[in-house]
Amino acid sequence: MTAQKGRDLLLKVHNGTGFETVAGLRATSLSFNAETVDATTQDSAGAWRELLAGAGLKTASIRGQGLFKDAASDATVRGLFFAAQIVAWQVIIPDFGTLEGPFQISALDYAGRHDGEVTFELALASAGALTFTVS
């Protein structure tokens, strides 16, 4: 993958009829985790830990910081947070792919300087199976 412009990374939420861009992100992180299940017994060779393949919990989390596209986008995200709703989200990573699936907003922060714009930071926690489509 060649270098990409961070400003091209987009965050979209499903609005009931399709995906709508809510923000261009200035900074973001995407994290995938897979817990392991220890299957070690007294019979494990050399007392080495053994893991149970295909077991365990998979999670994804997204943190993003940027500017809302408009007041309606801000209202949409704020409403989802206060309702603790789980909805489908998309993260578009240019020339890499699209991550899509159900997420819940687990944190929503606003900040601003007296001489600048209001920014936001949010955290999304996966709430079901995700798909990744290569660009």
N, C-alpha and C. Protein backbone atom coordinates (compact mmCIF):
# COMPACT_ATOMS: atom_id res chain seq x y z
N MET A 1 0.84 -1.17 0.00
CA MET A 1 0.00 0.00 0.00
C MET A 1 0.88 1.23 0.00
N THR A 2 0.63 2.15 -0.92
CA THR A 2 1.39 3.39 -0.96
C THR A 2 0.81 4.38 0.04
N ALA A 3 1.54 5.45 0.29
CA ALA A 3 1.08 6.47 1.23
C ALA A 3 -0.25 7.06 0.75
N GLN A 4 -1.14 7.32 1.70
CA GLN A 4 -2.46 7.87 1.40
C GLN A 4 -2.66 9.15 2.18
N LYS A 5 -3.46 10.05 1.66
CA LYS A 5 -3.82 11.27 2.36
C LYS A 5 -4.82 10.93 3.45
N GLY A 6 -4.51 11.31 4.68
CA GLY A 6 -5.40 11.03 5.79
C GLY A 6 -6.76 11.68 5.64
N ARG A 7 -6.82 12.80 4.95
CA ARG A 7 -8.10 13.51 4.80
C ARG A 7 -9.09 12.75 3.93
N ASP A 8 -8.63 11.75 3.19
CA ASP A 8 -9.52 10.97 2.33
C ASP A 8 -10.22 9.84 3.07
N LEU A 9 -9.85 9.61 4.33
CA LEU A 9 -10.50 8.58 5.12
C LEU A 9 -11.87 9.11 5.56
N LEU A 10 -12.92 8.35 5.29
CA LEU A 10 -14.28 8.81 5.58
C LEU A 10 -14.98 7.89 6.56
N LEU A 11 -15.86 8.49 7.34
CA LEU A 11 -16.70 7.76 8.28
C LEU A 11 -18.14 7.94 7.83
N LYS A 12 -18.83 6.81 7.61
CA LYS A 12 -20.22 6.85 7.13
C LYS A 12 -21.10 6.04 8.08
N VAL A 13 -22.35 6.48 8.22
CA VAL A 13 -23.32 5.78 9.06
C VAL A 13 -24.55 5.46 8.20
N HIS A 14 -25.17 4.33 8.49
CA HIS A 14 -26.38 3.94 7.76
C HIS A 14 -27.55 4.76 8.28
N ASN A 15 -28.24 5.44 7.38
CA ASN A 15 -29.34 6.33 7.77
C ASN A 15 -30.72 5.72 7.54
N GLY A 16 -30.79 4.42 7.30
CA GLY A 16 -32.06 3.76 7.05
C GLY A 16 -32.28 3.42 5.59
N THR A 17 -31.67 4.21 4.69
CA THR A 17 -31.81 3.93 3.25
C THR A 17 -30.46 3.69 2.58
N GLY A 18 -29.39 4.13 3.20
CA GLY A 18 -28.06 3.96 2.64
C GLY A 18 -27.03 4.58 3.57
N PHE A 19 -25.78 4.56 3.15
CA PHE A 19 -24.72 5.12 3.97
C PHE A 19 -24.52 6.59 3.64
N GLU A 20 -24.39 7.39 4.68
CA GLU A 20 -24.23 8.82 4.56
C GLU A 20 -22.94 9.24 5.26
N THR A 21 -22.13 10.05 4.58
CA THR A 21 -20.88 10.53 5.18
C THR A 21 -21.21 11.50 6.31
N VAL A 22 -20.65 11.23 7.49
CA VAL A 22 -20.83 12.15 8.61
C VAL A 22 -19.58 12.96 8.89
N ALA A 23 -18.42 12.45 8.48
CA ALA A 23 -17.21 13.17 8.81
C ALA A 23 -16.04 12.72 7.95
N GLY A 24 -15.18 13.68 7.69
CA GLY A 24 -13.85 13.39 7.20
C GLY A 24 -12.96 13.39 8.43
N LEU A 25 -12.16 12.41 8.60
CA LEU A 25 -11.39 12.29 9.83
C LEU A 25 -9.98 12.85 9.65
N ARG A 26 -9.55 13.63 10.61
CA ARG A 26 -8.19 14.18 10.59
C ARG A 26 -7.20 13.19 11.17
N ALA A 27 -7.65 12.44 12.14
CA ALA A 27 -6.80 11.43 12.76
C ALA A 27 -7.68 10.25 13.12
N THR A 28 -7.16 9.07 12.95
CA THR A 28 -7.97 7.90 13.26
C THR A 28 -7.08 6.72 13.63
N SER A 29 -7.68 5.78 14.32
CA SER A 29 -7.01 4.50 14.56
C SER A 29 -8.06 3.41 14.47
N LEU A 30 -7.64 2.30 13.94
CA LEU A 30 -8.49 1.14 13.76
C LEU A 30 -7.75 -0.03 14.39
N SER A 31 -8.41 -0.71 15.30
CA SER A 31 -7.76 -1.79 16.04
C SER A 31 -8.62 -3.05 15.98
N PHE A 32 -7.97 -4.16 15.64
CA PHE A 32 -8.63 -5.46 15.66
C PHE A 32 -7.99 -6.29 16.77
N ASN A 33 -8.81 -7.02 17.49
CA ASN A 33 -8.31 -7.87 18.57
C ASN A 33 -8.97 -9.24 18.48
N ALA A 34 -8.22 -10.24 18.87
CA ALA A 34 -8.74 -11.60 18.95
C ALA A 34 -8.21 -12.23 20.24
N GLU A 35 -9.12 -12.44 21.17
CA GLU A 35 -8.72 -13.08 22.41
C GLU A 35 -8.40 -14.55 22.13
N THR A 36 -7.50 -15.08 22.91
CA THR A 36 -7.15 -16.48 22.76
C THR A 36 -7.82 -17.30 23.85
N VAL A 37 -8.00 -18.59 23.59
CA VAL A 37 -8.54 -19.51 24.57
C VAL A 37 -7.45 -20.53 24.89
N ASP A 38 -7.03 -20.52 26.13
CA ASP A 38 -5.96 -21.41 26.59
C ASP A 38 -6.51 -22.83 26.73
N ALA A 39 -5.93 -23.76 25.98
CA ALA A 39 -6.36 -25.16 26.02
C ALA A 39 -5.26 -26.06 26.60
N THR A 40 -4.35 -25.45 27.36
CA THR A 40 -3.23 -26.19 27.94
C THR A 40 -3.72 -27.15 29.01
N THR A 41 -3.14 -28.36 29.00
CA THR A 41 -3.46 -29.36 30.02
C THR A 41 -2.16 -29.91 30.58
N GLN A 42 -2.27 -30.80 31.52
CA GLN A 42 -1.09 -31.44 32.08
C GLN A 42 -0.36 -32.26 31.02
N ASP A 43 -1.06 -32.66 29.98
CA ASP A 43 -0.47 -33.47 28.92
C ASP A 43 0.17 -32.63 27.82
N SER A 44 0.13 -31.31 27.91
CA SER A 44 0.71 -30.45 26.87
C SER A 44 2.21 -30.67 26.82
N ALA A 45 2.71 -30.86 25.61
CA ALA A 45 4.13 -31.17 25.39
C ALA A 45 5.02 -30.11 26.00
N GLY A 46 5.90 -30.54 26.89
CA GLY A 46 6.89 -29.64 27.48
C GLY A 46 6.28 -28.52 28.30
N ALA A 47 5.04 -28.66 28.70
CA ALA A 47 4.31 -27.64 29.46
C ALA A 47 4.16 -26.33 28.68
N TRP A 48 4.22 -26.45 27.35
CA TRP A 48 4.00 -25.28 26.51
C TRP A 48 2.51 -24.98 26.42
N ARG A 49 2.19 -23.73 26.39
CA ARG A 49 0.79 -23.32 26.27
C ARG A 49 0.25 -23.78 24.92
N GLU A 50 -1.01 -24.24 24.93
CA GLU A 50 -1.72 -24.60 23.71
C GLU A 50 -2.94 -23.71 23.60
N LEU A 51 -3.24 -23.29 22.39
CA LEU A 51 -4.40 -22.45 22.14
C LEU A 51 -5.43 -23.22 21.34
N LEU A 52 -6.69 -22.92 21.59
CA LEU A 52 -7.78 -23.55 20.88
C LEU A 52 -8.08 -22.73 19.63
N ALA A 53 -7.79 -23.29 18.46
CA ALA A 53 -7.97 -22.57 17.19
C ALA A 53 -9.44 -22.26 16.95
N GLY A 54 -9.70 -21.07 16.43
CA GLY A 54 -11.05 -20.68 16.05
C GLY A 54 -11.94 -20.28 17.21
N ALA A 55 -11.41 -20.31 18.42
CA ALA A 55 -12.20 -19.92 19.58
C ALA A 55 -11.82 -18.50 19.99
N GLY A 56 -12.50 -17.97 20.94
CA GLY A 56 -12.16 -16.64 21.44
C GLY A 56 -13.04 -15.57 20.84
N LEU A 57 -12.91 -14.40 21.37
CA LEU A 57 -13.74 -13.26 21.02
C LEU A 57 -12.97 -12.31 20.12
N LYS A 58 -13.57 -11.93 18.99
CA LYS A 58 -12.96 -10.96 18.08
C LYS A 58 -13.67 -9.62 18.27
N THR A 59 -12.90 -8.55 18.32
CA THR A 59 -13.47 -7.21 18.46
C THR A 59 -12.72 -6.25 17.54
N ALA A 60 -13.38 -5.15 17.26
CA ALA A 60 -12.76 -4.06 16.52
C ALA A 60 -13.16 -2.76 17.19
N SER A 61 -12.25 -1.82 17.18
CA SER A 61 -12.57 -0.50 17.71
C SER A 61 -11.99 0.55 16.77
N ILE A 62 -12.71 1.64 16.68
CA ILE A 62 -12.30 2.75 15.82
C ILE A 62 -12.33 4.01 16.66
N ARG A 63 -11.27 4.78 16.58
CA ARG A 63 -11.24 6.11 17.20
C ARG A 63 -10.97 7.09 16.09
N GLY A 64 -11.73 8.15 16.07
CA GLY A 64 -11.55 9.15 15.03
C GLY A 64 -11.70 10.55 15.59
N GLN A 65 -10.97 11.47 14.98
CA GLN A 65 -11.03 12.87 15.38
C GLN A 65 -11.12 13.71 14.12
N GLY A 66 -12.00 14.70 14.12
CA GLY A 66 -12.12 15.53 12.94
C GLY A 66 -13.20 16.56 13.07
N LEU A 67 -13.80 16.89 11.93
CA LEU A 67 -14.88 17.87 11.85
C LEU A 67 -16.12 17.21 11.28
N PHE A 68 -17.28 17.53 11.85
CA PHE A 68 -18.50 17.04 11.26
C PHE A 68 -18.74 17.73 9.93
N LYS A 69 -19.37 17.01 9.01
CA LYS A 69 -19.67 17.53 7.68
C LYS A 69 -20.61 18.73 7.77
N ASP A 70 -21.60 18.63 8.66
CA ASP A 70 -22.58 19.70 8.82
C ASP A 70 -23.33 19.48 10.13
N ALA A 71 -24.24 20.38 10.46
CA ALA A 71 -25.00 20.29 11.71
C ALA A 71 -25.86 19.02 11.77
N ALA A 72 -26.39 18.61 10.63
CA ALA A 72 -27.22 17.40 10.60
C ALA A 72 -26.39 16.16 10.95
N SER A 73 -25.16 16.10 10.46
CA SER A 73 -24.29 14.97 10.78
C SER A 73 -23.97 14.94 12.27
N ASP A 74 -23.70 16.10 12.83
CA ASP A 74 -23.45 16.21 14.26
C ASP A 74 -24.66 15.71 15.04
N ALA A 75 -25.86 16.14 14.64
CA ALA A 75 -27.09 15.73 15.32
C ALA A 75 -27.31 14.22 15.21
N THR A 76 -27.00 13.65 14.05
CA THR A 76 -27.16 12.20 13.86
C THR A 76 -26.28 11.43 14.83
N VAL A 77 -25.00 11.79 14.88
CA VAL A 77 -24.05 11.09 15.75
C VAL A 77 -24.41 11.30 17.21
N ARG A 78 -24.73 12.51 17.59
CA ARG A 78 -25.10 12.80 18.97
C ARG A 78 -26.34 11.99 19.36
N GLY A 79 -27.33 11.92 18.48
CA GLY A 79 -28.54 11.14 18.75
C GLY A 79 -28.25 9.66 18.93
N LEU A 80 -27.37 9.11 18.09
CA LEU A 80 -27.00 7.70 18.22
C LEU A 80 -26.30 7.44 19.55
N PHE A 81 -25.45 8.38 19.97
CA PHE A 81 -24.74 8.21 21.23
C PHE A 81 -25.73 8.19 22.41
N PHE A 82 -26.59 9.20 22.50
CA PHE A 82 -27.49 9.29 23.64
C PHE A 82 -28.53 8.18 23.65
N ALA A 83 -28.87 7.63 22.50
CA ALA A 83 -29.82 6.51 22.43
C ALA A 83 -29.11 5.17 22.60
N ALA A 84 -27.78 5.19 22.64
CA ALA A 84 -26.97 3.96 22.75
C ALA A 84 -27.35 2.96 21.66
N GLN A 85 -27.62 3.47 20.46
CA GLN A 85 -28.04 2.61 19.35
C GLN A 85 -26.85 1.92 18.70
N ILE A 86 -27.13 0.74 18.19
CA ILE A 86 -26.16 0.00 17.39
C ILE A 86 -26.65 0.07 15.95
N VAL A 87 -25.83 0.64 15.08
CA VAL A 87 -26.18 0.78 13.67
C VAL A 87 -24.98 0.41 12.81
N ALA A 88 -25.23 0.22 11.54
CA ALA A 88 -24.17 -0.11 10.60
C ALA A 88 -23.34 1.14 10.29
N TRP A 89 -22.03 0.99 10.31
CA TRP A 89 -21.08 2.05 9.98
C TRP A 89 -20.15 1.55 8.89
N GLN A 90 -19.59 2.48 8.15
CA GLN A 90 -18.54 2.17 7.17
C GLN A 90 -17.35 3.09 7.45
N VAL A 91 -16.18 2.52 7.33
CA VAL A 91 -14.96 3.32 7.34
C VAL A 91 -14.29 3.08 5.99
N ILE A 92 -14.16 4.15 5.22
CA ILE A 92 -13.56 4.07 3.89
C ILE A 92 -12.09 4.43 4.01
N ILE A 93 -11.24 3.48 3.66
CA ILE A 93 -9.79 3.70 3.68
C ILE A 93 -9.34 3.70 2.22
N PRO A 94 -9.02 4.87 1.67
CA PRO A 94 -8.74 4.98 0.23
C PRO A 94 -7.64 4.02 -0.23
N ASP A 95 -7.86 3.41 -1.39
CA ASP A 95 -6.92 2.48 -2.01
C ASP A 95 -6.55 1.31 -1.11
N PHE A 96 -7.36 1.04 -0.10
CA PHE A 96 -7.10 -0.07 0.80
C PHE A 96 -8.35 -0.92 0.94
N GLY A 97 -9.47 -0.28 1.35
CA GLY A 97 -10.70 -1.04 1.47
C GLY A 97 -11.73 -0.36 2.33
N THR A 98 -12.82 -1.08 2.57
CA THR A 98 -13.93 -0.57 3.36
C THR A 98 -14.26 -1.57 4.46
N LEU A 99 -14.30 -1.08 5.68
CA LEU A 99 -14.72 -1.87 6.83
C LEU A 99 -16.17 -1.52 7.10
N GLU A 100 -17.01 -2.53 7.26
CA GLU A 100 -18.44 -2.28 7.45
C GLU A 100 -19.01 -3.25 8.46
N GLY A 101 -19.93 -2.74 9.28
CA GLY A 101 -20.62 -3.59 10.23
C GLY A 101 -21.24 -2.79 11.35
N PRO A 102 -21.87 -3.50 12.30
CA PRO A 102 -22.54 -2.83 13.40
C PRO A 102 -21.55 -2.34 14.46
N PHE A 103 -21.75 -1.09 14.87
CA PHE A 103 -20.92 -0.49 15.91
C PHE A 103 -21.81 0.33 16.83
N GLN A 104 -21.34 0.53 18.05
CA GLN A 104 -21.98 1.44 18.99
C GLN A 104 -20.96 2.51 19.35
N ILE A 105 -21.43 3.75 19.47
CA ILE A 105 -20.54 4.83 19.89
C ILE A 105 -20.29 4.66 21.38
N SER A 106 -19.03 4.45 21.75
CA SER A 106 -18.69 4.24 23.16
C SER A 106 -18.13 5.50 23.81
N ALA A 107 -17.76 6.50 23.01
CA ALA A 107 -17.29 7.78 23.55
C ALA A 107 -17.51 8.86 22.50
N LEU A 108 -17.87 10.05 22.96
CA LEU A 108 -18.07 11.19 22.07
C LEU A 108 -17.59 12.43 22.80
N ASP A 109 -16.56 13.08 22.27
CA ASP A 109 -15.97 14.26 22.88
C ASP A 109 -16.00 15.42 21.91
N TYR A 110 -16.21 16.61 22.43
CA TYR A 110 -16.15 17.83 21.64
C TYR A 110 -15.05 18.71 22.21
N ALA A 111 -14.37 19.44 21.34
CA ALA A 111 -13.33 20.37 21.79
C ALA A 111 -13.28 21.54 20.83
N GLY A 112 -12.71 22.62 21.30
CA GLY A 112 -12.56 23.79 20.44
C GLY A 112 -11.73 24.85 21.12
N ARG A 113 -11.04 25.60 20.31
CA ARG A 113 -10.26 26.74 20.80
C ARG A 113 -11.02 28.02 20.50
N HIS A 114 -10.73 29.05 21.23
CA HIS A 114 -11.42 30.31 21.03
C HIS A 114 -11.19 30.88 19.64
N ASP A 115 -10.09 30.50 19.02
CA ASP A 115 -9.76 31.04 17.69
C ASP A 115 -9.82 29.97 16.60
N GLY A 116 -10.59 28.92 16.84
CA GLY A 116 -10.66 27.83 15.86
C GLY A 116 -12.04 27.19 15.82
N GLU A 117 -12.12 26.11 15.10
CA GLU A 117 -13.38 25.39 14.90
C GLU A 117 -13.60 24.37 16.01
N VAL A 118 -14.85 23.94 16.14
CA VAL A 118 -15.19 22.86 17.07
C VAL A 118 -14.83 21.54 16.39
N THR A 119 -14.13 20.69 17.11
CA THR A 119 -13.78 19.36 16.61
C THR A 119 -14.46 18.32 17.50
N PHE A 120 -14.45 17.10 17.03
CA PHE A 120 -15.01 16.01 17.82
C PHE A 120 -14.03 14.85 17.80
N GLU A 121 -14.20 13.99 18.77
CA GLU A 121 -13.51 12.70 18.78
C GLU A 121 -14.53 11.68 19.21
N LEU A 122 -14.55 10.55 18.52
CA LEU A 122 -15.47 9.50 18.91
C LEU A 122 -14.78 8.16 18.88
N ALA A 123 -15.36 7.24 19.64
CA ALA A 123 -14.88 5.86 19.67
C ALA A 123 -16.06 4.97 19.32
N LEU A 124 -15.82 4.02 18.42
CA LEU A 124 -16.83 3.04 18.03
C LEU A 124 -16.37 1.66 18.48
N ALA A 125 -17.28 0.90 19.05
CA ALA A 125 -16.99 -0.48 19.47
C ALA A 125 -17.83 -1.42 18.63
N SER A 126 -17.19 -2.46 18.09
CA SER A 126 -17.91 -3.40 17.24
C SER A 126 -18.99 -4.12 18.06
N ALA A 127 -20.10 -4.41 17.35
CA ALA A 127 -21.25 -5.03 18.03
C ALA A 127 -21.80 -6.18 17.21
N GLY A 128 -20.96 -6.83 16.41
CA GLY A 128 -21.39 -7.95 15.58
C GLY A 128 -20.34 -8.24 14.54
N ALA A 129 -20.72 -9.09 13.57
CA ALA A 129 -19.77 -9.50 12.53
C ALA A 129 -19.46 -8.33 11.59
N LEU A 130 -18.19 -8.22 11.23
CA LEU A 130 -17.73 -7.16 10.34
C LEU A 130 -17.27 -7.76 9.02
N THR A 131 -17.31 -6.94 7.98
CA THR A 131 -16.78 -7.34 6.68
C THR A 131 -15.73 -6.32 6.25
N PHE A 132 -14.76 -6.80 5.51
CA PHE A 132 -13.76 -5.91 4.92
C PHE A 132 -13.71 -6.20 3.44
N THR A 133 -13.90 -5.15 2.65
CA THR A 133 -13.87 -5.28 1.19
C THR A 133 -12.66 -4.53 0.67
N VAL A 134 -11.81 -5.22 -0.06
CA VAL A 134 -10.60 -4.60 -0.61
C VAL A 134 -10.98 -3.69 -1.77
N SER A 135 -10.34 -2.52 -1.83
CA SER A 135 -10.61 -1.56 -2.93
C SER A 135 -10.08 -2.09 -4.23
